[in-house]
PDB file of N, CA and C in Angstrom:
ATOM      1  N   MET A   1     261.486-192.955 202.740  1.00  0.00           N
ATOM      2  CA  MET A   1     262.866-192.933 202.030  1.00  0.00           C
ATOM      3  C   MET A   1     263.343-191.287 201.631  1.00  0.00           C
ATOM      4  N   LEU A   2     264.476-191.232 201.655  1.00  0.00           N
ATOM      5  CA  LEU A   2     265.283-190.173 201.247  1.00  0.00           C
ATOM      6  C   LEU A   2     266.295-190.146 199.879  1.00  0.00           C
ATOM      7  N   ARG A   3     266.361-189.869 198.711  1.00  0.00           N
ATOM      8  CA  ARG A   3     266.538-190.428 197.762  1.00  0.00           C
ATOM      9  C   ARG A   3     268.011-189.096 197.478  1.00  0.00           C
ATOM     10  N   THR A   4     269.294-188.842 197.418  1.00  0.00           N
ATOM     11  CA  THR A   4     269.930-188.199 196.880  1.00  0.00           C
ATOM     12  C   THR A   4     270.816-188.735 195.675  1.00  0.00           C
ATOM     13  N   GLY A   5     271.050-186.849 195.140  1.00  0.00           N
ATOM     14  CA  GLY A   5     271.568-187.846 193.916  1.00  0.00           C
ATOM     15  C   GLY A   5     272.764-186.462 193.196  1.00  0.00           C
ATOM     16  N   THR A   6     273.173-187.285 192.218  1.00  0.00           N
ATOM     17  CA  THR A   6     274.550-185.635 191.576  1.00  0.00           C
ATOM     18  C   THR A   6     273.591-185.249 190.365  1.00  0.00           C
ATOM     19  N   VAL A   7     274.311-184.417 190.525  1.00  0.00           N
ATOM     20  CA  VAL A   7     273.474-183.583 188.902  1.00  0.00           C
ATOM     21  C   VAL A   7     274.661-182.844 188.238  1.00  0.00           C
ATOM     22  N   LEU A   8     275.267-182.537 187.231  1.00  0.00           N
ATOM     23  CA  LEU A   8     276.144-182.511 186.680  1.00  0.00           C
ATOM     24  C   LEU A   8     275.499-181.504 185.571  1.00  0.00           C
ATOM     25  N   CYS A   9     275.536-180.425 185.657  1.00  0.00           N
ATOM     26  CA  CYS A   9     275.515-179.080 185.147  1.00  0.00           C
ATOM     27  C   CYS A   9     276.638-178.458 183.945  1.00  0.00           C
ATOM     28  N   ARG A  10     277.255-179.526 183.480  1.00  0.00           N
ATOM     29  CA  ARG A  10     278.293-178.697 182.345  1.00  0.00           C
ATOM     30  C   ARG A  10     278.114-177.615 182.040  1.00  0.00           C
ATOM     31  N   GLY A  11     276.785-177.795 180.368  1.00  0.00           N
ATOM     32  CA  GLY A  11     276.221-176.743 180.010  1.00  0.00           C
ATOM     33  C   GLY A  11     276.594-176.035 180.573  1.00  0.00           C
ATOM     34  N   ALA A  12     275.987-175.359 181.865  1.00  0.00           N
ATOM     35  CA  ALA A  12     275.476-173.755 181.912  1.00  0.00           C
ATOM     36  C   ALA A  12     277.307-172.812 182.093  1.00  0.00           C
ATOM     37  N   LEU A  13     278.252-174.367 182.649  1.00  0.00           N
ATOM     38  CA  LEU A  13     279.518-173.712 182.957  1.00  0.00           C
ATOM     39  C   LEU A  13     280.878-172.983 181.956  1.00  0.00           C
ATOM     40  N   ALA A  14     280.398-174.007 180.635  1.00  0.00           N
ATOM     41  CA  ALA A  14     280.598-174.080 179.559  1.00  0.00           C
ATOM     42  C   ALA A  14     280.563-173.023 178.938  1.00  0.00           C
ATOM     43  N   ARG A  15     281.713-172.486 177.861  1.00  0.00           N
ATOM     44  CA  ARG A  15     281.382-171.377 176.857  1.00  0.00           C
ATOM     45  C   ARG A  15     281.718-171.888 175.420  1.00  0.00           C
ATOM     46  N   SER A  16     281.180-170.943 175.008  1.00  0.00           N
ATOM     47  CA  SER A  16     281.135-171.952 173.051  1.00  0.00           C
ATOM     48  C   SER A  16     280.764-170.783 172.675  1.00  0.00           C
ATOM     49  N   TYR A  17     281.692-170.502 171.664  1.00  0.00           N
ATOM     50  CA  TYR A  17     281.818-169.677 170.810  1.00  0.00           C
ATOM     51  C   TYR A  17     281.524-170.114 168.890  1.00  0.00           C
ATOM     52  N   ALA A  18     281.302-169.172 168.023  1.00  0.00           N
ATOM     53  CA  ALA A  18     280.137-169.570 166.977  1.00  0.00           C
ATOM     54  C   ALA A  18     281.488-169.699 165.995  1.00  0.00           C
ATOM     55  N   THR A  19     283.030-168.767 166.533  1.00  0.00           N
ATOM     56  CA  THR A  19     283.832-169.195 166.063  1.00  0.00           C
ATOM     57  C   THR A  19     284.595-169.083 166.544  1.00  0.00           C
ATOM     58  N   LYS A  20     285.611-169.680 166.428  1.00  0.00           N
ATOM     59  CA  LYS A  20     287.341-169.140 166.935  1.00  0.00           C
ATOM     60  C   LYS A  20     288.077-167.485 166.529  1.00  0.00           C
ATOM     61  N   THR A  21     288.486-167.727 167.578  1.00  0.00           N
ATOM     62  CA  THR A  21     288.983-165.621 167.245  1.00  0.00           C
ATOM     63  C   THR A  21     290.333-166.037 167.322  1.00  0.00           C
ATOM     64  N   SER A  22     290.967-164.978 167.204  1.00  0.00           N
ATOM     65  CA  SER A  22     292.503-165.489 167.054  1.00  0.00           C
ATOM     66  C   SER A  22     293.133-164.443 168.654  1.00  0.00           C
ATOM     67  N   PRO A  23     294.306-164.207 168.838  1.00  0.00           N
ATOM     68  CA  PRO A  23     294.519-164.401 170.035  1.00  0.00           C
ATOM     69  C   PRO A  23     294.348-162.777 170.736  1.00  0.00           C
ATOM     70  N   HIS A  24     294.859-161.691 171.427  1.00  0.00           N
ATOM     71  CA  HIS A  24     294.010-161.205 171.562  1.00  0.00           C
ATOM     72  C   HIS A  24     296.109-160.300 173.101  1.00  0.00           C
ATOM     73  N   ALA A  25     296.562-159.519 172.846  1.00  0.00           N
ATOM     74  CA  ALA A  25     297.451-159.417 173.139  1.00  0.00           C
ATOM     75  C   ALA A  25     297.739-157.884 173.981  1.00  0.00           C
ATOM     76  N   LEU A  26     297.615-157.490 175.020  1.00  0.00           N
ATOM     77  CA  LEU A  26     297.581-156.082 175.235  1.00  0.00           C
ATOM     78  C   LEU A  26     299.370-155.451 175.982  1.00  0.00           C
ATOM     79  N   VAL A  27     300.165-155.151 175.611  1.00  0.00           N
ATOM     80  CA  VAL A  27     301.461-154.848 176.236  1.00  0.00           C
ATOM     81  C   VAL A  27     301.477-153.907 176.174  1.00  0.00           C
ATOM     82  N   PHE A  28     301.975-153.331 177.817  1.00  0.00           N
ATOM     83  CA  PHE A  28     302.008-152.128 178.220  1.00  0.00           C
ATOM     84  C   PHE A  28     304.084-151.863 178.299  1.00  0.00           C
ATOM     85  N   LEU A  29     304.421-150.818 177.749  1.00  0.00           N
ATOM     86  CA  LEU A  29     305.462-150.856 177.010  1.00  0.00           C
ATOM     87  C   LEU A  29     306.289-149.118 177.862  1.00  0.00           C
ATOM     88  N   GLU A  30     306.769-149.988 178.635  1.00  0.00           N
ATOM     89  CA  GLU A  30     308.001-149.064 179.523  1.00  0.00           C
ATOM     90  C   GLU A  30     308.748-148.414 178.849  1.00  0.00           C
ATOM     91  N   HIS A  31     309.257-147.242 179.179  1.00  0.00           N
ATOM     92  CA  HIS A  31     310.458-146.081 178.438  1.00  0.00           C
ATOM     93  C   HIS A  31     310.417-145.085 179.426  1.00  0.00           C
ATOM     94  N   ARG A  32     311.641-144.677 179.325  1.00  0.00           N
ATOM     95  CA  ARG A  32     312.780-143.376 179.888  1.00  0.00           C
ATOM     96  C   ARG A  32     313.012-142.569 179.159  1.00  0.00           C
ATOM     97  N   GLN A  33     312.467-141.514 179.503  1.00  0.00           N
ATOM     98  CA  GLN A  33     312.625-140.154 178.560  1.00  0.00           C
ATOM     99  C   GLN A  33     312.914-140.372 176.780  1.00  0.00           C
ATOM    100  N   GLY A  34     311.970-140.995 176.614  1.00  0.00           N
ATOM    101  CA  GLY A  34     311.430-141.731 174.942  1.00  0.00           C
ATOM    102  C   GLY A  34     312.239-142.876 174.945  1.00  0.00           C
ATOM    103  N   VAL A  35     313.070-143.322 175.362  1.00  0.00           N
ATOM    104  CA  VAL A  35     313.931-144.790 174.876  1.00  0.00           C
ATOM    105  C   VAL A  35     313.247-146.109 176.219  1.00  0.00           C
ATOM    106  N   LEU A  36     313.019-146.834 174.963  1.00  0.00           N
ATOM    107  CA  LEU A  36     312.035-148.398 174.894  1.00  0.00           C
ATOM    108  C   LEU A  36     312.993-148.928 176.003  1.00  0.00           C
ATOM    109  N   ASP A  37     312.550-149.571 176.929  1.00  0.00           N
ATOM    110  CA  ASP A  37     312.687-150.511 178.131  1.00  0.00           C
ATOM    111  C   ASP A  37     312.955-151.693 177.046  1.00  0.00           C
ATOM    112  N   SER A  38     314.489-152.058 177.195  1.00  0.00           N
ATOM    113  CA  SER A  38     314.622-153.420 176.752  1.00  0.00           C
ATOM    114  C   SER A  38     313.705-155.281 177.102  1.00  0.00           C
ATOM    115  N   GLY A  39     312.846-155.016 178.049  1.00  0.00           N
ATOM    116  CA  GLY A  39     311.586-155.985 178.661  1.00  0.00           C
ATOM    117  C   GLY A  39     310.340-155.482 177.888  1.00  0.00           C
ATOM    118  N   SER A  40     310.295-154.328 177.595  1.00  0.00           N
ATOM    119  CA  SER A  40     309.033-154.275 176.968  1.00  0.00           C
ATOM    120  C   SER A  40     309.191-154.478 175.213  1.00  0.00           C
ATOM    121  N   LEU A  41     310.450-153.967 174.948  1.00  0.00           N
ATOM    122  CA  LEU A  41     310.453-154.739 173.310  1.00  0.00           C
ATOM    123  C   LEU A  41     310.658-156.531 173.641  1.00  0.00           C
ATOM    124  N   SER A  42     310.701-156.546 174.242  1.00  0.00           N
ATOM    125  CA  SER A  42     310.806-158.522 174.952  1.00  0.00           C
ATOM    126  C   SER A  42     309.728-158.938 174.572  1.00  0.00           C
ATOM    127  N   ALA A  43     308.558-157.940 175.382  1.00  0.00           N
ATOM    128  CA  ALA A  43     306.775-158.557 175.405  1.00  0.00           C
ATOM    129  C   ALA A  43     306.838-158.616 173.919  1.00  0.00           C
ATOM    130  N   LEU A  44     306.803-157.491 173.339  1.00  0.00           N
ATOM    131  CA  LEU A  44     306.101-157.146 172.087  1.00  0.00           C
ATOM    132  C   LEU A  44     306.292-157.973 171.510  1.00  0.00           C
ATOM    133  N   THR A  45     307.626-158.342 170.741  1.00  0.00           N
ATOM    134  CA  THR A  45     308.172-159.172 170.251  1.00  0.00           C
ATOM    135  C   THR A  45     307.407-160.354 170.227  1.00  0.00           C
ATOM    136  N   ALA A  46     307.097-160.586 171.494  1.00  0.00           N
ATOM    137  CA  ALA A  46     306.810-161.778 172.100  1.00  0.00           C
ATOM    138  C   ALA A  46     304.900-162.558 171.511  1.00  0.00           C
ATOM    139  N   ALA A  47     304.193-161.460 171.823  1.00  0.00           N
ATOM    140  CA  ALA A  47     302.603-161.019 171.907  1.00  0.00           C
ATOM    141  C   ALA A  47     302.660-160.769 170.574  1.00  0.00           C
ATOM    142  N   GLN A  48     303.524-160.518 169.232  1.00  0.00           N
ATOM    143  CA  GLN A  48     303.223-160.937 167.698  1.00  0.00           C
ATOM    144  C   GLN A  48     303.541-161.962 167.210  1.00  0.00           C
ATOM    145  N   GLN A  49     303.937-162.757 167.956  1.00  0.00           N
ATOM    146  CA  GLN A  49     304.905-164.273 167.605  1.00  0.00           C
ATOM    147  C   GLN A  49     303.106-164.925 167.071  1.00  0.00           C
ATOM    148  N   LEU A  50     302.421-164.942 168.402  1.00  0.00           N
ATOM    149  CA  LEU A  50     301.565-165.238 169.235  1.00  0.00           C
ATOM    150  C   LEU A  50     300.219-165.261 167.876  1.00  0.00           C
ATOM    151  N   GLY A  51     301.204-164.475 167.066  1.00  0.00           N
ATOM    152  CA  GLY A  51     300.070-164.395 165.593  1.00  0.00           C
ATOM    153  C   GLY A  51     298.872-163.264 165.585  1.00  0.00           C
ATOM    154  N   GLY A  52     298.289-163.405 167.097  1.00  0.00           N
ATOM    155  CA  GLY A  52     296.869-162.432 166.840  1.00  0.00           C
ATOM    156  C   GLY A  52     297.014-160.743 166.950  1.00  0.00           C
ATOM    157  N   GLU A  53     295.919-160.080 167.369  1.00  0.00           N
ATOM    158  CA  GLU A  53     296.313-159.026 167.492  1.00  0.00           C
ATOM    159  C   GLU A  53     296.900-158.191 168.712  1.00  0.00           C
ATOM    160  N   VAL A  54     297.741-157.497 167.938  1.00  0.00           N
ATOM    161  CA  VAL A  54     298.341-157.016 169.267  1.00  0.00           C
ATOM    162  C   VAL A  54     298.197-155.495 169.518  1.00  0.00           C
ATOM    163  N   SER A  55     298.226-155.102 170.995  1.00  0.00           N
ATOM    164  CA  SER A  55     297.808-153.326 171.796  1.00  0.00           C
ATOM    165  C   SER A  55     298.728-152.901 172.419  1.00  0.00           C
ATOM    166  N   GLY A  56     299.307-151.712 172.108  1.00  0.00           N
ATOM    167  CA  GLY A  56     300.433-151.410 173.472  1.00  0.00           C
ATOM    168  C   GLY A  56     300.083-149.949 173.815  1.00  0.00           C
ATOM    169  N   LEU A  57     300.016-149.831 175.205  1.00  0.00           N
ATOM    170  CA  LEU A  57     299.839-148.743 176.213  1.00  0.00           C
ATOM    171  C   LEU A  57     301.396-148.277 177.139  1.00  0.00           C
ATOM    172  N   ILE A  58     301.429-147.345 176.291  1.00  0.00           N
ATOM    173  CA  ILE A  58     302.556-146.300 176.658  1.00  0.00           C
ATOM    174  C   ILE A  58     301.569-145.117 177.303  1.00  0.00           C
ATOM    175  N   ILE A  59     302.557-144.343 178.329  1.00  0.00           N
ATOM    176  CA  ILE A  59     302.217-143.189 179.089  1.00  0.00           C
ATOM    177  C   ILE A  59     303.526-142.492 179.464  1.00  0.00           C
ATOM    178  N   GLY A  60     303.061-141.168 179.053  1.00  0.00           N
ATOM    179  CA  GLY A  60     304.389-140.164 179.534  1.00  0.00           C
ATOM    180  C   GLY A  60     304.105-138.976 178.573  1.00  0.00           C
ATOM    181  N   SER A  61     304.324-138.069 178.753  1.00  0.00           N
ATOM    182  CA  SER A  61     304.731-136.441 178.212  1.00  0.00           C
ATOM    183  C   SER A  61     304.043-136.803 176.572  1.00  0.00           C
ATOM    184  N   PRO A  62     303.407-136.219 176.053  1.00  0.00           N
ATOM    185  CA  PRO A  62     303.441-135.801 174.328  1.00  0.00           C
ATOM    186  C   PRO A  62     304.330-135.718 173.584  1.00  0.00           C
ATOM    187  N   GLU A  63     305.689-134.908 174.197  1.00  0.00           N
ATOM    188  CA  GLU A  63     306.851-134.805 173.266  1.00  0.00           C
ATOM    189  C   GLU A  63     308.251-136.345 173.039  1.00  0.00           C
ATOM    190  N   HIS A  64     307.277-137.184 174.791  1.00  0.00           N
ATOM    191  CA  HIS A  64     308.402-138.616 174.222  1.00  0.00           C
ATOM    192  C   HIS A  64     307.331-139.888 173.892  1.00  0.00           C
ATOM    193  N   VAL A  65     305.967-139.782 173.852  1.00  0.00           N
ATOM    194  CA  VAL A  65     305.355-140.616 173.365  1.00  0.00           C
ATOM    195  C   VAL A  65     305.164-141.002 172.337  1.00  0.00           C
ATOM    196  N   GLN A  66     305.435-139.561 171.068  1.00  0.00           N
ATOM    197  CA  GLN A  66     305.155-140.283 170.055  1.00  0.00           C
ATOM    198  C   GLN A  66     306.443-140.774 169.020  1.00  0.00           C
ATOM    199  N   GLY A  67     307.927-140.939 169.945  1.00  0.00           N
ATOM    200  CA  GLY A  67     308.717-141.296 169.485  1.00  0.00           C
ATOM    201  C   GLY A  67     308.691-142.634 169.696  1.00  0.00           C
ATOM    202  N   VAL A  68     307.998-142.960 170.727  1.00  0.00           N
ATOM    203  CA  VAL A  68     308.804-143.992 171.513  1.00  0.00           C
ATOM    204  C   VAL A  68     307.078-145.081 170.780  1.00  0.00           C
ATOM    205  N   VAL A  69     305.995-144.698 170.444  1.00  0.00           N
ATOM    206  CA  VAL A  69     305.147-144.745 169.768  1.00  0.00           C
ATOM    207  C   VAL A  69     305.795-145.213 168.280  1.00  0.00           C
ATOM    208  N   GLU A  70     306.607-144.414 167.707  1.00  0.00           N
ATOM    209  CA  GLU A  70     307.365-145.299 166.326  1.00  0.00           C
ATOM    210  C   GLU A  70     307.639-146.275 165.832  1.00  0.00           C
ATOM    211  N   LYS A  71     309.039-146.093 167.489  1.00  0.00           N
ATOM    212  CA  LYS A  71     309.951-147.382 167.764  1.00  0.00           C
ATOM    213  C   LYS A  71     309.146-148.348 167.727  1.00  0.00           C
ATOM    214  N   ALA A  72     308.109-148.363 168.207  1.00  0.00           N
ATOM    215  CA  ALA A  72     307.575-149.888 168.804  1.00  0.00           C
ATOM    216  C   ALA A  72     307.019-150.529 167.283  1.00  0.00           C
ATOM    217  N   LYS A  73     306.515-149.278 166.554  1.00  0.00           N
ATOM    218  CA  LYS A  73     306.049-150.166 164.973  1.00  0.00           C
ATOM    219  C   LYS A  73     306.585-150.419 164.288  1.00  0.00           C
ATOM    220  N   LYS A  74     308.188-150.648 164.798  1.00  0.00           N
ATOM    221  CA  LYS A  74     309.502-150.620 164.043  1.00  0.00           C
ATOM    222  C   LYS A  74     309.452-152.613 164.155  1.00  0.00           C
TER     223      LYS A  74
END
């Protein structure tokens, strides 16, 4: 006689953490000649409202990026 059964392994697939972590957001900030795109500013504001850590990624020439970084910090 052949017996069949179902074994559920929930523990192997579930994640558990010792402490609750705050959310972390990565925002890609678009700019044109040093002027931030309005959609990027909206995404940055939404990420800040999550209450966790926010990182921004800006790509461009050195003369434009520094000005964009200062505007994004505000």
